PDB file of N, CA and C in Angstrom:
ATOM      1  N   MET A   1      -5.617 -17.095   7.711  1.00  0.00           N
ATOM      2  CA  MET A   1      -4.832 -16.072   7.025  1.00  0.00           C
ATOM      3  C   MET A   1      -4.299 -16.675   5.727  1.00  0.00           C
ATOM      4  N   LYS A   2      -4.495 -15.961   4.623  1.00  0.00           N
ATOM      5  CA  LYS A   2      -4.098 -16.476   3.323  1.00  0.00           C
ATOM      6  C   LYS A   2      -2.585 -16.562   3.146  1.00  0.00           C
ATOM      7  N   ASN A   3      -1.841 -15.622   3.716  1.00  0.00           N
ATOM      8  CA  ASN A   3      -0.393 -15.602   3.558  1.00  0.00           C
ATOM      9  C   ASN A   3       0.258 -15.344   4.913  1.00  0.00           C
ATOM     10  N   PRO A   4       0.440 -16.399   5.716  1.00  0.00           N
ATOM     11  CA  PRO A   4       0.947 -16.210   7.075  1.00  0.00           C
ATOM     12  C   PRO A   4       2.387 -15.689   7.123  1.00  0.00           C
ATOM     13  N   ASN A   5       3.115 -15.798   6.033  1.00  0.00           N
ATOM     14  CA  ASN A   5       4.493 -15.306   6.010  1.00  0.00           C
ATOM     15  C   ASN A   5       4.594 -13.846   5.584  1.00  0.00           C
ATOM     16  N   ALA A   6       3.464 -13.219   5.289  1.00  0.00           N
ATOM     17  CA  ALA A   6       3.465 -11.813   4.879  1.00  0.00           C
ATOM     18  C   ALA A   6       3.754 -10.925   6.080  1.00  0.00           C
ATOM     19  N   HIS A   7       4.503  -9.860   5.826  1.00  0.00           N
ATOM     20  CA  HIS A   7       4.844  -8.898   6.875  1.00  0.00           C
ATOM     21  C   HIS A   7       4.560  -7.496   6.360  1.00  0.00           C
ATOM     22  N   PRO A   8       4.083  -6.610   7.237  1.00  0.00           N
ATOM     23  CA  PRO A   8       3.788  -5.237   6.813  1.00  0.00           C
ATOM     24  C   PRO A   8       5.034  -4.545   6.269  1.00  0.00           C
ATOM     25  N   LEU A   9       4.841  -3.797   5.192  1.00  0.00           N
ATOM     26  CA  LEU A   9       5.925  -3.101   4.515  1.00  0.00           C
ATOM     27  C   LEU A   9       5.522  -1.650   4.319  1.00  0.00           C
ATOM     28  N   CYS A  10       6.425  -0.738   4.572  1.00  0.00           N
ATOM     29  CA  CYS A  10       6.189   0.682   4.317  1.00  0.00           C
ATOM     30  C   CYS A  10       7.159   1.108   3.229  1.00  0.00           C
ATOM     31  N   HIS A  11       6.628   1.368   2.030  1.00  0.00           N
ATOM     32  CA  HIS A  11       7.475   1.804   0.919  1.00  0.00           C
ATOM     33  C   HIS A  11       7.324   3.302   0.724  1.00  0.00           C
ATOM     34  N   SER A  12       8.434   3.979   0.502  1.00  0.00           N
ATOM     35  CA  SER A  12       8.402   5.424   0.319  1.00  0.00           C
ATOM     36  C   SER A  12       9.549   5.858  -0.585  1.00  0.00           C
ATOM     37  N   ASP A  13       9.546   7.147  -0.893  1.00  0.00           N
ATOM     38  CA  ASP A  13      10.711   7.722  -1.552  1.00  0.00           C
ATOM     39  C   ASP A  13      11.729   8.030  -0.457  1.00  0.00           C
ATOM     40  N   ARG A  14      12.778   8.756  -0.796  1.00  0.00           N
ATOM     41  CA  ARG A  14      13.841   9.030   0.174  1.00  0.00           C
ATOM     42  C   ARG A  14      13.737  10.423   0.787  1.00  0.00           C
ATOM     43  N   GLY A  15      12.530  10.922   0.910  1.00  0.00           N
ATOM     44  CA  GLY A  15      12.326  12.223   1.542  1.00  0.00           C
ATOM     45  C   GLY A  15      12.782  12.202   2.989  1.00  0.00           C
ATOM     46  N   TYR A  16      13.123  13.392   3.498  1.00  0.00           N
ATOM     47  CA  TYR A  16      13.641  13.507   4.864  1.00  0.00           C
ATOM     48  C   TYR A  16      12.711  12.857   5.884  1.00  0.00           C
ATOM     49  N   GLN A  17      11.400  13.054   5.717  1.00  0.00           N
ATOM     50  CA  GLN A  17      10.463  12.534   6.710  1.00  0.00           C
ATOM     51  C   GLN A  17      10.520  11.011   6.812  1.00  0.00           C
ATOM     52  N   TYR A  18      10.994  10.334   5.764  1.00  0.00           N
ATOM     53  CA  TYR A  18      11.069   8.868   5.767  1.00  0.00           C
ATOM     54  C   TYR A  18      12.456   8.339   6.123  1.00  0.00           C
ATOM     55  N   THR A  19      13.472   9.195   6.047  1.00  0.00           N
ATOM     56  CA  THR A  19      14.835   8.732   6.310  1.00  0.00           C
ATOM     57  C   THR A  19      15.322   9.081   7.707  1.00  0.00           C
ATOM     58  N   ASN A  20      14.542   9.833   8.458  1.00  0.00           N
ATOM     59  CA  ASN A  20      15.026  10.187   9.795  1.00  0.00           C
ATOM     60  C   ASN A  20      14.844   9.020  10.762  1.00  0.00           C
ATOM     61  N   ARG A  21      15.638   9.022  11.781  1.00  0.00           N
ATOM     62  CA  ARG A  21      15.685   7.924  12.747  1.00  0.00           C
ATOM     63  C   ARG A  21      14.351   7.752  13.484  1.00  0.00           C
ATOM     64  N   SER A  22      13.690   8.852  13.789  1.00  0.00           N
ATOM     65  CA  SER A  22      12.417   8.789  14.513  1.00  0.00           C
ATOM     66  C   SER A  22      11.377   7.980  13.731  1.00  0.00           C
ATOM     67  N   PHE A  23      11.274   8.233  12.429  1.00  0.00           N
ATOM     68  CA  PHE A  23      10.322   7.501  11.601  1.00  0.00           C
ATOM     69  C   PHE A  23      10.698   6.018  11.549  1.00  0.00           C
ATOM     70  N   HIS A  24      11.980   5.737  11.382  1.00  0.00           N
ATOM     71  CA  HIS A  24      12.451   4.346  11.334  1.00  0.00           C
ATOM     72  C   HIS A  24      12.117   3.617  12.640  1.00  0.00           C
ATOM     73  N   ASN A  25      12.306   4.286  13.765  1.00  0.00           N
ATOM     74  CA  ASN A  25      11.984   3.674  15.064  1.00  0.00           C
ATOM     75  C   ASN A  25      10.496   3.362  15.184  1.00  0.00           C
ATOM     76  N   LYS A  26       9.651   4.249  14.671  1.00  0.00           N
ATOM     77  CA  LYS A  26       8.207   4.007  14.706  1.00  0.00           C
ATOM     78  C   LYS A  26       7.846   2.777  13.870  1.00  0.00           C
ATOM     79  N   LEU A  27       8.489   2.627  12.719  1.00  0.00           N
ATOM     80  CA  LEU A  27       8.236   1.438  11.890  1.00  0.00           C
ATOM     81  C   LEU A  27       8.662   0.172  12.620  1.00  0.00           C
ATOM     82  N   GLU A  28       9.830   0.207  13.237  1.00  0.00           N
ATOM     83  CA  GLU A  28      10.305  -0.956  13.987  1.00  0.00           C
ATOM     84  C   GLU A  28       9.337  -1.323  15.108  1.00  0.00           C
ATOM     85  N   LYS A  29       8.862  -0.334  15.838  1.00  0.00           N
ATOM     86  CA  LYS A  29       7.917  -0.589  16.933  1.00  0.00           C
ATOM     87  C   LYS A  29       6.621  -1.196  16.412  1.00  0.00           C
ATOM     88  N   ALA A  30       6.231  -0.818  15.193  1.00  0.00           N
ATOM     89  CA  ALA A  30       5.006  -1.347  14.594  1.00  0.00           C
ATOM     90  C   ALA A  30       5.240  -2.700  13.926  1.00  0.00           C
ATOM     91  N   GLY A  31       6.490  -3.194  13.929  1.00  0.00           N
ATOM     92  CA  GLY A  31       6.796  -4.481  13.315  1.00  0.00           C
ATOM     93  C   GLY A  31       6.803  -4.429  11.795  1.00  0.00           C
ATOM     94  N   MET A  32       7.112  -3.256  11.249  1.00  0.00           N
ATOM     95  CA  MET A  32       7.086  -3.080   9.799  1.00  0.00           C
ATOM     96  C   MET A  32       8.502  -3.035   9.225  1.00  0.00           C
ATOM     97  N   THR A  33       8.622  -3.454   7.976  1.00  0.00           N
ATOM     98  CA  THR A  33       9.873  -3.374   7.239  1.00  0.00           C
ATOM     99  C   THR A  33       9.847  -2.118   6.392  1.00  0.00           C
ATOM    100  N   GLN A  34      10.966  -1.399   6.382  1.00  0.00           N
ATOM    101  CA  GLN A  34      11.041  -0.183   5.574  1.00  0.00           C
ATOM    102  C   GLN A  34      11.630  -0.502   4.202  1.00  0.00           C
ATOM    103  N   SER A  35      11.008   0.072   3.187  1.00  0.00           N
ATOM    104  CA  SER A  35      11.457  -0.077   1.807  1.00  0.00           C
ATOM    105  C   SER A  35      11.500   1.308   1.183  1.00  0.00           C
ATOM    106  N   MET A  36      12.568   1.591   0.432  1.00  0.00           N
ATOM    107  CA  MET A  36      12.685   2.901  -0.202  1.00  0.00           C
ATOM    108  C   MET A  36      13.082   2.753  -1.656  1.00  0.00           C
ATOM    109  N   SER A  37      12.687   3.760  -2.425  1.00  0.00           N
ATOM    110  CA  SER A  37      13.109   3.822  -3.821  1.00  0.00           C
ATOM    111  C   SER A  37      14.630   3.942  -3.879  1.00  0.00           C
ATOM    112  N   ARG A  38      15.203   3.485  -4.967  1.00  0.00           N
ATOM    113  CA  ARG A  38      16.635   3.627  -5.148  1.00  0.00           C
ATOM    114  C   ARG A  38      16.971   5.094  -5.411  1.00  0.00           C
ATOM    115  N   VAL A  39      18.180   5.492  -5.066  1.00  0.00           N
ATOM    116  CA  VAL A  39      18.621   6.863  -5.283  1.00  0.00           C
ATOM    117  C   VAL A  39      18.551   7.189  -6.774  1.00  0.00           C
ATOM    118  N   GLY A  40      17.907   8.298  -7.095  1.00  0.00           N
ATOM    119  CA  GLY A  40      17.823   8.743  -8.481  1.00  0.00           C
ATOM    120  C   GLY A  40      16.877   7.934  -9.353  1.00  0.00           C
ATOM    121  N   LYS A  41      16.078   7.056  -8.770  1.00  0.00           N
ATOM    122  CA  LYS A  41      15.155   6.206  -9.534  1.00  0.00           C
ATOM    123  C   LYS A  41      13.730   6.464  -9.061  1.00  0.00           C
ATOM    124  N   CYS A  42      13.227   7.652  -9.353  1.00  0.00           N
ATOM    125  CA  CYS A  42      11.894   8.017  -8.858  1.00  0.00           C
ATOM    126  C   CYS A  42      10.813   7.093  -9.419  1.00  0.00           C
ATOM    127  N   ILE A  43      11.075   6.419 -10.517  1.00  0.00           N
ATOM    128  CA  ILE A  43      10.086   5.508 -11.098  1.00  0.00           C
ATOM    129  C   ILE A  43       9.785   4.334 -10.160  1.00  0.00           C
ATOM    130  N   ASP A  44      10.710   4.012  -9.248  1.00  0.00           N
ATOM    131  CA  ASP A  44      10.476   2.935  -8.283  1.00  0.00           C
ATOM    132  C   ASP A  44       9.210   3.180  -7.479  1.00  0.00           C
ATOM    133  N   ASN A  45       8.918   4.434  -7.216  1.00  0.00           N
ATOM    134  CA  ASN A  45       7.791   4.768  -6.360  1.00  0.00           C
ATOM    135  C   ASN A  45       6.482   4.902  -7.144  1.00  0.00           C
ATOM    136  N   GLY A  46       6.541   4.767  -8.441  1.00  0.00           N
ATOM    137  CA  GLY A  46       5.369   4.950  -9.298  1.00  0.00           C
ATOM    138  C   GLY A  46       4.161   4.118  -8.914  1.00  0.00           C
ATOM    139  N   PRO A  47       4.314   2.810  -8.683  1.00  0.00           N
ATOM    140  CA  PRO A  47       3.137   2.009  -8.327  1.00  0.00           C
ATOM    141  C   PRO A  47       2.443   2.498  -7.046  1.00  0.00           C
ATOM    142  N   MET A  48       3.209   2.880  -6.040  1.00  0.00           N
ATOM    143  CA  MET A  48       2.589   3.365  -4.802  1.00  0.00           C
ATOM    144  C   MET A  48       1.946   4.728  -4.999  1.00  0.00           C
ATOM    145  N   GLU A  49       2.598   5.605  -5.771  1.00  0.00           N
ATOM    146  CA  GLU A  49       1.992   6.907  -6.070  1.00  0.00           C
ATOM    147  C   GLU A  49       0.657   6.702  -6.792  1.00  0.00           C
ATOM    148  N   GLY A  50       0.643   5.747  -7.731  1.00  0.00           N
ATOM    149  CA  GLY A  50      -0.591   5.441  -8.454  1.00  0.00           C
ATOM    150  C   GLY A  50      -1.678   4.925  -7.527  1.00  0.00           C
ATOM    151  N   PHE A  51      -1.317   4.019  -6.614  1.00  0.00           N
ATOM    152  CA  PHE A  51      -2.292   3.479  -5.661  1.00  0.00           C
ATOM    153  C   PHE A  51      -2.908   4.587  -4.816  1.00  0.00           C
ATOM    154  N   TRP A  52      -2.067   5.458  -4.241  1.00  0.00           N
ATOM    155  CA  TRP A  52      -2.594   6.532  -3.387  1.00  0.00           C
ATOM    156  C   TRP A  52      -3.461   7.484  -4.197  1.00  0.00           C
ATOM    157  N   GLY A  53      -3.115   7.709  -5.465  1.00  0.00           N
ATOM    158  CA  GLY A  53      -3.958   8.546  -6.315  1.00  0.00           C
ATOM    159  C   GLY A  53      -5.336   7.938  -6.512  1.00  0.00           C
ATOM    160  N   ILE A  54      -5.385   6.624  -6.742  1.00  0.00           N
ATOM    161  CA  ILE A  54      -6.665   5.922  -6.907  1.00  0.00           C
ATOM    162  C   ILE A  54      -7.476   5.989  -5.611  1.00  0.00           C
ATOM    163  N   LEU A  55      -6.824   5.716  -4.491  1.00  0.00           N
ATOM    164  CA  LEU A  55      -7.516   5.756  -3.198  1.00  0.00           C
ATOM    165  C   LEU A  55      -8.106   7.144  -2.956  1.00  0.00           C
ATOM    166  N   LYS A  56      -7.322   8.183  -3.203  1.00  0.00           N
ATOM    167  CA  LYS A  56      -7.826   9.539  -2.970  1.00  0.00           C
ATOM    168  C   LYS A  56      -9.008   9.851  -3.885  1.00  0.00           C
ATOM    169  N   ARG A  57      -8.909   9.447  -5.139  1.00  0.00           N
ATOM    170  CA  ARG A  57      -9.995   9.701  -6.083  1.00  0.00           C
ATOM    171  C   ARG A  57     -11.272   8.952  -5.698  1.00  0.00           C
ATOM    172  N   GLU A  58     -11.130   7.697  -5.299  1.00  0.00           N
ATOM    173  CA  GLU A  58     -12.297   6.858  -5.031  1.00  0.00           C
ATOM    174  C   GLU A  58     -12.867   6.987  -3.620  1.00  0.00           C
ATOM    175  N   ARG A  59     -12.058   7.370  -2.638  1.00  0.00           N
ATOM    176  CA  ARG A  59     -12.546   7.346  -1.258  1.00  0.00           C
ATOM    177  C   ARG A  59     -12.247   8.594  -0.415  1.00  0.00           C
ATOM    178  N   TYR A  60     -11.388   9.492  -0.893  1.00  0.00           N
ATOM    179  CA  TYR A  60     -10.972  10.608  -0.040  1.00  0.00           C
ATOM    180  C   TYR A  60     -11.524  11.956  -0.492  1.00  0.00           C
ATOM    181  N   TYR A  61     -11.317  12.301  -1.763  1.00  0.00           N
ATOM    182  CA  TYR A  61     -11.765  13.612  -2.238  1.00  0.00           C
ATOM    183  C   TYR A  61     -13.273  13.762  -2.061  1.00  0.00           C
ATOM    184  N   GLY A  62     -13.668  14.917  -1.573  1.00  0.00           N
ATOM    185  CA  GLY A  62     -15.089  15.195  -1.366  1.00  0.00           C
ATOM    186  C   GLY A  62     -15.637  14.683  -0.049  1.00  0.00           C
ATOM    187  N   LYS A  63     -14.817  13.998   0.727  1.00  0.00           N
ATOM    188  CA  LYS A  63     -15.246  13.471   2.029  1.00  0.00           C
ATOM    189  C   LYS A  63     -14.652  14.344   3.134  1.00  0.00           C
ATOM    190  N   ARG A  64     -15.238  14.253   4.303  1.00  0.00           N
ATOM    191  CA  ARG A  64     -14.721  14.981   5.462  1.00  0.00           C
ATOM    192  C   ARG A  64     -14.482  13.966   6.581  1.00  0.00           C
ATOM    193  N   PHE A  65     -13.255  13.881   7.045  1.00  0.00           N
ATOM    194  CA  PHE A  65     -12.903  12.975   8.133  1.00  0.00           C
ATOM    195  C   PHE A  65     -12.686  13.804   9.385  1.00  0.00           C
ATOM    196  N   THR A  66     -13.401  13.473  10.435  1.00  0.00           N
ATOM    197  CA  THR A  66     -13.351  14.278  11.652  1.00  0.00           C
ATOM    198  C   THR A  66     -12.381  13.749  12.699  1.00  0.00           C
ATOM    199  N   ASP A  67     -11.865  12.523  12.490  1.00  0.00           N
ATOM    200  CA  ASP A  67     -10.887  11.991  13.429  1.00  0.00           C
ATOM    201  C   ASP A  67      -9.967  11.001  12.714  1.00  0.00           C
ATOM    202  N   LYS A  68      -8.841  10.770  13.327  1.00  0.00           N
ATOM    203  CA  LYS A  68      -7.811   9.899  12.752  1.00  0.00           C
ATOM    204  C   LYS A  68      -8.314   8.467  12.585  1.00  0.00           C
ATOM    205  N   GLU A  69      -9.051   7.970  13.559  1.00  0.00           N
ATOM    206  CA  GLU A  69      -9.518   6.586  13.531  1.00  0.00           C
ATOM    207  C   GLU A  69     -10.405   6.319  12.311  1.00  0.00           C
ATOM    208  N   THR A  70     -11.270   7.262  11.987  1.00  0.00           N
ATOM    209  CA  THR A  70     -12.156   7.099  10.829  1.00  0.00           C
ATOM    210  C   THR A  70     -11.348   7.071   9.537  1.00  0.00           C
ATOM    211  N   LEU A  71     -10.359   7.946   9.445  1.00  0.00           N
ATOM    212  CA  LEU A  71      -9.500   7.977   8.258  1.00  0.00           C
ATOM    213  C   LEU A  71      -8.703   6.680   8.121  1.00  0.00           C
ATOM    214  N   VAL A  72      -8.114   6.230   9.213  1.00  0.00           N
ATOM    215  CA  VAL A  72      -7.331   4.986   9.185  1.00  0.00           C
ATOM    216  C   VAL A  72      -8.217   3.802   8.802  1.00  0.00           C
ATOM    217  N   LYS A  73      -9.416   3.740   9.349  1.00  0.00           N
ATOM    218  CA  LYS A  73     -10.340   2.647   9.005  1.00  0.00           C
ATOM    219  C   LYS A  73     -10.699   2.687   7.530  1.00  0.00           C
ATOM    220  N   MET A  74     -10.944   3.876   6.992  1.00  0.00           N
ATOM    221  CA  MET A  74     -11.249   4.001   5.567  1.00  0.00           C
ATOM    222  C   MET A  74     -10.090   3.464   4.729  1.00  0.00           C
ATOM    223  N   ILE A  75      -8.870   3.820   5.102  1.00  0.00           N
ATOM    224  CA  ILE A  75      -7.689   3.362   4.344  1.00  0.00           C
ATOM    225  C   ILE A  75      -7.557   1.848   4.446  1.00  0.00           C
ATOM    226  N   GLU A  76      -7.700   1.295   5.643  1.00  0.00           N
ATOM    227  CA  GLU A  76      -7.609  -0.157   5.816  1.00  0.00           C
ATOM    228  C   GLU A  76      -8.685  -0.882   5.017  1.00  0.00           C
ATOM    229  N   ASP A  77      -9.915  -0.379   5.079  1.00  0.00           N
ATOM    230  CA  ASP A  77     -11.014  -0.992   4.326  1.00  0.00           C
ATOM    231  C   ASP A  77     -10.760  -0.905   2.821  1.00  0.00           C
ATOM    232  N   TYR A  78     -10.215   0.225   2.377  1.00  0.00           N
ATOM    233  CA  TYR A  78      -9.958   0.380   0.949  1.00  0.00           C
ATOM    234  C   TYR A  78      -8.854  -0.564   0.483  1.00  0.00           C
ATOM    235  N   ILE A  79      -7.812  -0.725   1.279  1.00  0.00           N
ATOM    236  CA  ILE A  79      -6.730  -1.651   0.915  1.00  0.00           C
ATOM    237  C   ILE A  79      -7.286  -3.064   0.768  1.00  0.00           C
ATOM    238  N   ASP A  80      -8.162  -3.477   1.692  1.00  0.00           N
ATOM    239  CA  ASP A  80      -8.796  -4.790   1.584  1.00  0.00           C
ATOM    240  C   ASP A  80      -9.640  -4.874   0.309  1.00  0.00           C
ATOM    241  N   TYR A  81     -10.438  -3.856   0.060  1.00  0.00           N
ATOM    242  CA  TYR A  81     -11.263  -3.813  -1.160  1.00  0.00           C
ATOM    243  C   TYR A  81     -10.385  -3.878  -2.408  1.00  0.00           C
ATOM    244  N   TYR A  82      -9.339  -3.059  -2.448  1.00  0.00           N
ATOM    245  CA  TYR A  82      -8.467  -2.995  -3.619  1.00  0.00           C
ATOM    246  C   TYR A  82      -7.814  -4.349  -3.892  1.00  0.00           C
ATOM    247  N   ASN A  83      -7.342  -5.003  -2.853  1.00  0.00           N
ATOM    248  CA  ASN A  83      -6.632  -6.277  -3.021  1.00  0.00           C
ATOM    249  C   ASN A  83      -7.558  -7.458  -3.296  1.00  0.00           C
ATOM    250  N   ASN A  84      -8.760  -7.441  -2.740  1.00  0.00           N
ATOM    251  CA  ASN A  84      -9.609  -8.634  -2.773  1.00  0.00           C
ATOM    252  C   ASN A  84     -10.896  -8.523  -3.582  1.00  0.00           C
ATOM    253  N   LYS A  85     -11.304  -7.307  -3.942  1.00  0.00           N
ATOM    254  CA  LYS A  85     -12.589  -7.158  -4.641  1.00  0.00           C
ATOM    255  C   LYS A  85     -12.527  -6.321  -5.912  1.00  0.00           C
ATOM    256  N   ARG A  86     -11.605  -5.398  -6.006  1.00  0.00           N
ATOM    257  CA  ARG A  86     -11.550  -4.457  -7.139  1.00  0.00           C
ATOM    258  C   ARG A  86     -10.888  -5.137  -8.334  1.00  0.00           C
ATOM    259  N   LEU A  87     -11.640  -5.318  -9.401  1.00  0.00           N
ATOM    260  CA  LEU A  87     -11.120  -5.952 -10.607  1.00  0.00           C
ATOM    261  C   LEU A  87     -10.265  -4.964 -11.391  1.00  0.00           C
ATOM    262  N   LEU A  88      -9.118  -5.431 -11.872  1.00  0.00           N
ATOM    263  CA  LEU A  88      -8.202  -4.584 -12.622  1.00  0.00           C
ATOM    264  C   LEU A  88      -8.018  -5.145 -14.029  1.00  0.00           C
ATOM    265  N   ARG A  89      -8.281  -4.304 -15.016  1.00  0.00           N
ATOM    266  CA  ARG A  89      -8.139  -4.743 -16.410  1.00  0.00           C
ATOM    267  C   ARG A  89      -6.713  -5.167 -16.732  1.00  0.00           C
ATOM    268  N   ASN A  90      -5.732  -4.415 -16.220  1.00  0.00           N
ATOM    269  CA  ASN A  90      -4.342  -4.750 -16.548  1.00  0.00           C
ATOM    270  C   ASN A  90      -3.869  -6.042 -15.888  1.00  0.00           C
ATOM    271  N   LEU A  91      -4.699  -6.639 -15.040  1.00  0.00           N
ATOM    272  CA  LEU A  91      -4.399  -7.957 -14.459  1.00  0.00           C
ATOM    273  C   LEU A  91      -5.291  -9.036 -15.071  1.00  0.00           C
ATOM    274  N   GLY A  92      -5.900  -8.728 -16.212  1.00  0.00           N
ATOM    275  CA  GLY A  92      -6.774  -9.705 -16.863  1.00  0.00           C
ATOM    276  C   GLY A  92      -8.146  -9.770 -16.224  1.00  0.00           C
ATOM    277  N   VAL A  93      -8.646  -8.655 -15.745  1.00  0.00           N
ATOM    278  CA  VAL A  93      -9.931  -8.541 -15.050  1.00  0.00           C
ATOM    279  C   VAL A  93      -9.964  -9.487 -13.837  1.00  0.00           C
ATOM    280  N   LEU A  94      -8.906  -9.401 -13.057  1.00  0.00           N
ATOM    281  CA  LEU A  94      -8.778 -10.145 -11.802  1.00  0.00           C
ATOM    282  C   LEU A  94      -8.469  -9.151 -10.689  1.00  0.00           C
ATOM    283  N   THR A  95      -8.645  -9.585  -9.455  1.00  0.00           N
ATOM    284  CA  THR A  95      -8.192  -8.773  -8.328  1.00  0.00           C
ATOM    285  C   THR A  95      -6.690  -9.021  -8.155  1.00  0.00           C
ATOM    286  N   PRO A  96      -5.980  -8.128  -7.470  1.00  0.00           N
ATOM    287  CA  PRO A  96      -4.554  -8.392  -7.218  1.00  0.00           C
ATOM    288  C   PRO A  96      -4.314  -9.719  -6.499  1.00  0.00           C
ATOM    289  N   MET A  97      -5.188 -10.086  -5.547  1.00  0.00           N
ATOM    290  CA  MET A  97      -4.989 -11.357  -4.844  1.00  0.00           C
ATOM    291  C   MET A  97      -5.251 -12.562  -5.753  1.00  0.00           C
ATOM    292  N   GLU A  98      -6.225 -12.469  -6.649  1.00  0.00           N
ATOM    293  CA  GLU A  98      -6.447 -13.555  -7.608  1.00  0.00           C
ATOM    294  C   GLU A  98      -5.223 -13.723  -8.502  1.00  0.00           C
ATOM    295  N   LYS A  99      -4.671 -12.616  -8.961  1.00  0.00           N
ATOM    296  CA  LYS A  99      -3.472 -12.666  -9.804  1.00  0.00           C
ATOM    297  C   LYS A  99      -2.299 -13.255  -9.023  1.00  0.00           C
ATOM    298  N   HIS A 100      -2.187 -12.872  -7.760  1.00  0.00           N
ATOM    299  CA  HIS A 100      -1.124 -13.394  -6.900  1.00  0.00           C
ATOM    300  C   HIS A 100      -1.260 -14.906  -6.714  1.00  0.00           C
ATOM    301  N   GLU A 101      -2.476 -15.374  -6.487  1.00  0.00           N
ATOM    302  CA  GLU A 101      -2.712 -16.816  -6.327  1.00  0.00           C
ATOM    303  C   GLU A 101      -2.319 -17.582  -7.601  1.00  0.00           C
ATOM    304  N   ILE A 102      -2.647 -17.032  -8.747  1.00  0.00           N
ATOM    305  CA  ILE A 102      -2.276 -17.675 -10.029  1.00  0.00           C
ATOM    306  C   ILE A 102      -0.755 -17.710 -10.144  1.00  0.00           C
ATOM    307  N   TYR A 103      -0.108 -16.620  -9.778  1.00  0.00           N
ATOM    308  CA  TYR A 103       1.358 -16.563  -9.810  1.00  0.00           C
ATOM    309  C   TYR A 103       1.967 -17.627  -8.893  1.00  0.00           C
ATOM    310  N   LEU A 104       1.429 -17.774  -7.690  1.00  0.00           N
ATOM    311  CA  LEU A 104       1.962 -18.772  -6.752  1.00  0.00           C
ATOM    312  C   LEU A 104       1.770 -20.187  -7.269  1.00  0.00           C
ATOM    313  N   GLN A 105       0.655 -20.456  -7.916  1.00  0.00           N
ATOM    314  CA  GLN A 105       0.397 -21.794  -8.460  1.00  0.00           C
ATOM    315  C   GLN A 105       1.366 -22.133  -9.596  1.00  0.00           C
ATOM    316  N   ALA A 106       1.763 -21.106 -10.350  1.00  0.00           N
ATOM    317  CA  ALA A 106       2.669 -21.333 -11.480  1.00  0.00           C
ATOM    318  C   ALA A 106       4.126 -21.481 -11.020  1.00  0.00           C
ATOM    319  N   ALA A 107       4.442 -20.974  -9.846  1.00  0.00           N
ATOM    320  CA  ALA A 107       5.829 -20.987  -9.361  1.00  0.00           C
ATOM    321  C   ALA A 107       6.263 -22.360  -8.887  1.00  0.00           C
TER     322      ALA A 107
END
């Protein structure tokens, strides 16, 4: 494992569906940390909104998913692809993980 200290994180806005106790309990059971945008700072959620937009454009629109497992696998596979294989111009034509490794070496 490249980053053994990494822990799953669920970032969202402060919509009711994310602030209710039931959702929080599900995150705890899954061993995830909850993260939310600051009150009145919708720009905090911009990077995640952008990511989901890219995922939908590249892997979701025009496809038909017949069960939850197939959809979840597609999302997991895409996250791996996005982090480890997809080159991003705004990162200097590197993958996010390559950029992260460079950042860690400089720290």
